[in-house]
Protein backbone atom coordinates (compact mmCIF):
# COMPACT_ATOMS: atom_id res chain seq x y z
CA MET A 1 83.65 69.39 80.60
CA THR A 2 83.92 73.21 81.87
CA ALA A 3 85.43 73.32 85.27
CA VAL A 4 83.69 74.13 88.23
CA LEU A 5 84.45 77.70 89.34
CA THR A 6 85.53 78.49 92.95
CA GLY A 7 83.67 81.08 94.83
CA HIS A 8 86.20 83.77 94.19
CA GLU A 9 86.57 82.49 90.57
CA HIS A 10 82.68 83.12 90.23
CA GLN A 11 82.91 86.58 91.53
CA LEU A 12 85.64 87.52 89.18
CA VAL A 13 83.95 86.43 86.18
CA HIS A 14 80.28 87.95 87.29
CA GLN A 15 81.67 91.15 88.41
CA MET A 16 80.20 93.06 85.21
CA ASP A 17 76.75 91.58 85.53
CA ALA A 18 74.91 94.65 87.07
CA VAL A 19 76.69 96.61 84.15
CA ASP A 20 75.35 94.01 81.63
CA GLU A 21 71.88 94.26 83.07
CA LEU A 22 72.01 98.25 82.90
CA LEU A 23 73.21 97.60 79.24
CA THR A 24 69.77 95.93 78.63
CA ARG A 25 68.06 98.83 79.65
CA THR A 26 69.99 101.62 78.22
CA ALA A 27 69.04 102.97 74.78
CA ASP A 28 70.91 106.21 74.67
CA PRO A 29 74.02 105.59 72.35
CA HIS A 30 76.46 108.10 74.30
CA HIS A 31 75.49 106.16 77.41
CA ARG A 32 75.96 102.73 76.03
CA ARG A 33 79.43 103.76 74.84
CA ILE A 34 80.19 104.81 78.45
CA LEU A 35 78.98 101.60 79.92
CA LEU A 36 80.86 99.34 77.54
CA ASN A 37 83.88 101.36 77.99
CA PHE A 38 83.86 100.98 81.64
CA ARG A 39 83.12 97.27 81.30
CA GLN A 40 85.90 96.62 78.98
CA HIS A 41 88.33 98.75 80.69
CA VAL A 42 87.80 96.86 84.15
CA LEU A 43 87.93 93.37 82.81
CA LEU A 44 91.15 94.12 80.45
CA GLU A 45 92.89 95.71 83.50
CA VAL A 46 92.23 92.62 85.57
CA ALA A 47 93.36 90.36 82.80
CA GLY A 48 96.54 92.23 82.60
CA ARG A 49 95.72 93.71 79.17
CA HIS A 50 95.95 97.36 80.11
CA HIS A 51 97.49 98.22 76.78
CA GLU A 52 94.45 97.45 75.03
CA PHE A 53 92.61 100.38 76.70
CA LEU A 54 95.34 102.68 76.92
CA THR A 55 94.43 103.81 73.33
CA PRO A 56 92.87 106.98 71.67
CA ALA A 57 89.72 105.00 71.18
CA MET A 58 89.19 104.30 74.82
CA MET A 59 90.89 107.18 76.82
CA ALA A 60 91.10 110.98 76.39
CA ALA A 61 94.49 112.52 75.68
CA GLU A 62 95.29 113.47 79.14
CA PRO A 63 93.21 111.40 81.59
CA VAL A 64 93.72 111.89 85.25
CA TYR A 65 93.62 109.17 88.06
CA ARG A 66 92.69 110.14 91.68
CA LEU A 67 93.13 107.04 93.83
CA GLY A 68 92.03 107.64 97.34
CA GLU A 69 93.20 104.67 99.83
CA GLY A 70 92.70 105.63 103.27
CA ARG A 71 94.53 108.72 103.92
CA ALA A 72 96.75 108.38 100.97
CA ASN A 73 95.88 109.79 97.45
CA ILE A 74 97.56 108.79 94.36
CA VAL A 75 97.39 111.17 91.39
CA LEU A 76 98.31 110.04 87.94
CA THR A 77 98.34 112.13 84.75
CA GLY A 78 98.64 111.25 81.31
CA LEU A 79 98.55 108.10 79.22
CA GLU A 80 102.49 107.49 79.96
CA GLU A 81 102.54 107.79 83.66
CA ILE A 82 99.07 105.68 84.06
CA GLY A 83 100.64 102.89 81.91
CA ARG A 84 103.77 102.89 83.94
CA PHE A 85 101.38 102.51 86.98
CA TYR A 86 99.83 99.54 85.43
CA ASP A 87 103.17 97.89 84.43
CA GLU A 88 104.10 98.20 88.13
CA VAL A 89 101.16 96.77 89.50
CA ARG A 90 101.14 94.00 87.18
CA ARG A 91 104.77 93.17 87.90
CA ALA A 92 103.88 92.96 91.32
CA GLU A 93 101.07 90.33 90.51
CA ALA A 94 98.45 92.90 92.31
CA LEU A 95 95.99 93.05 89.33
CA VAL A 96 93.59 90.46 90.26
CA LEU A 97 90.67 92.44 91.66
CA TRP A 98 86.85 92.12 91.35
CA THR A 99 83.74 93.84 92.71
CA THR A 100 80.57 92.42 94.53
CA ALA A 101 77.23 94.25 95.06
CA LEU A 102 77.95 96.64 92.39
CA ARG A 103 75.44 99.61 92.01
CA PRO A 104 76.22 101.27 88.69
CA ALA A 105 74.56 104.51 87.07
CA VAL A 106 75.42 106.23 83.96
CA ALA A 107 74.87 109.87 82.83
CA ASP A 108 75.80 112.11 80.09
CA TRP A 109 79.18 113.21 81.94
CA GLY A 110 79.87 109.73 82.74
CA PHE A 111 79.76 106.64 85.04
CA ALA A 112 79.35 106.30 88.60
CA ALA A 113 79.11 103.35 91.23
CA GLU A 114 79.49 101.82 94.73
CA ALA A 115 80.51 98.26 95.42
CA TRP A 116 82.50 96.02 97.59
CA PHE A 117 86.13 95.85 96.28
CA HIS A 118 88.23 92.84 96.65
CA ARG A 119 91.87 92.85 95.84
CA GLN A 120 94.04 89.71 95.96
CA LEU A 121 97.39 91.07 96.89
CA PRO A 122 100.95 89.46 97.80
CA GLY A 123 102.10 89.79 101.09
CA ARG A 124 105.33 91.27 99.92
CA PHE A 125 103.39 93.86 98.03
CA LEU A 126 101.29 94.52 101.24
CA ALA A 127 104.45 94.87 103.32
CA ARG A 128 105.86 97.60 101.11
CA THR A 129 102.72 99.78 101.80
CA GLY A 130 103.39 99.51 105.56
CA ALA A 131 100.62 96.88 106.14
CA ASP A 132 101.29 94.51 109.15
CA VAL A 133 101.51 91.19 107.40
CA ASP A 134 102.57 87.92 109.27
CA ASP A 135 103.59 85.95 105.92
CA PRO A 136 105.08 88.04 102.91
CA ALA A 137 105.16 85.02 100.79
CA ALA A 138 101.50 84.42 101.45
CA THR A 139 98.49 86.04 99.21
CA TYR A 140 95.93 88.29 101.15
CA LEU A 141 92.25 89.40 100.06
CA VAL A 142 91.80 93.09 101.09
CA SER A 143 88.17 94.22 100.69
CA CYS A 144 86.50 97.35 101.39
CA ARG A 145 83.33 99.45 100.23
CA ALA A 146 84.40 102.06 97.45
CA ALA A 147 82.91 104.50 95.54
CA PHE A 148 83.93 104.81 91.66
CA ILE A 149 83.41 108.24 89.72
CA TRP A 150 84.65 108.10 86.24
CA PRO A 151 84.16 111.19 83.80
CA TYR A 152 83.90 110.84 80.21
CA ASP A 153 84.17 112.92 77.30
CA GLU A 154 81.77 113.41 74.55
CA GLN A 155 83.10 110.62 72.23
CA GLY A 156 82.63 108.23 75.39
CA ARG A 157 86.29 108.14 76.33
CA LEU A 158 87.43 107.87 79.86
CA GLU A 159 89.05 111.23 81.18
CA GLY A 160 90.00 109.59 84.63
CA GLU A 161 89.40 107.49 87.32
CA HIS A 162 88.21 108.78 90.95
CA VAL A 163 88.07 105.91 93.15
CA TYR A 164 87.51 106.62 97.07
CA GLU A 165 87.73 103.71 99.61
CA ASP A 166 85.91 103.70 102.95
CA PRO A 167 89.01 102.93 105.49
CA GLY A 168 86.45 101.80 108.04
CA SER A 169 85.17 98.86 106.11
CA VAL A 170 88.64 97.59 105.23
CA THR A 171 89.24 93.71 106.06
CA THR A 172 92.25 91.90 105.50
CA ARG A 173 92.39 87.78 105.29
CA LYS A 174 95.06 85.26 104.37
CA LEU A 175 94.18 83.23 101.71
CA THR A 176 94.77 79.41 101.47
CA PRO A 177 96.73 78.52 98.22
CA ALA A 178 93.51 76.93 96.96
CA GLU A 179 91.96 80.12 96.97
CA VAL A 180 94.43 82.07 95.22
CA ILE A 181 93.71 83.10 91.39
CA PRO A 182 96.94 83.35 89.62
CA PRO A 183 96.96 86.09 87.25
CA GLY A 184 97.21 83.66 84.11
CA ARG A 185 94.17 82.01 85.62
CA ALA A 186 92.33 85.23 85.82
CA ALA A 187 93.12 86.15 82.19
CA GLU A 188 91.95 82.94 80.87
CA LEU A 189 88.61 83.21 82.81
CA LEU A 190 87.85 86.61 81.60
CA ALA A 191 88.87 86.31 77.94
CA PRO A 192 85.45 84.96 76.94
CA VAL A 193 83.79 87.52 79.07
CA ILE A 194 85.63 90.19 77.29
CA ALA A 195 84.76 88.73 73.99
CA ALA A 196 81.10 88.83 75.03
CA HIS A 197 80.99 92.61 74.10
CA PRO A 198 83.05 94.09 71.34
CA GLY A 199 83.91 97.04 73.27
CA PRO A 200 82.51 100.76 73.20
CA GLY A 201 83.09 101.42 69.37
């Protein structure tokens, strides 16, 4: 018998529904490669399987990430530096995230969307960023509006992530233990969703 998903688990599993729906209306082969690349990249990232998309098949040789969070802006260049970033976030158990109200668009140059962005973050991780948390041992849900602009090359490979958060929309809430999705549970839930499409090949 299949276990009933909690509210956050349901959002995690269904965060790519809008992309799946757009795929049903997209015939252009290049646009489809972009959408499948974006879909698999996000799901593999949250499942802690980032090494599966840090490959020449899915990413350009010198991708550039521009991640804007409030006044802070992180710039990462190249597969090696980006890989170290994902390794650090995974070790911090800060990879579990999902979007809601995702509104995607695809064009020859790449992918863009706006959505509510929800990150499940350990209190100790937030404390290191300067956030005011009352319990470093707890887990928090940080939500905000965000825009995603991801350029792609002619082969449908990711050239970078440009992510810009709206600082005025940020909310932070301490989760109860029952609400927390452990990284292993996230990977388990997303495995069949990732397998539902073979990827951007």
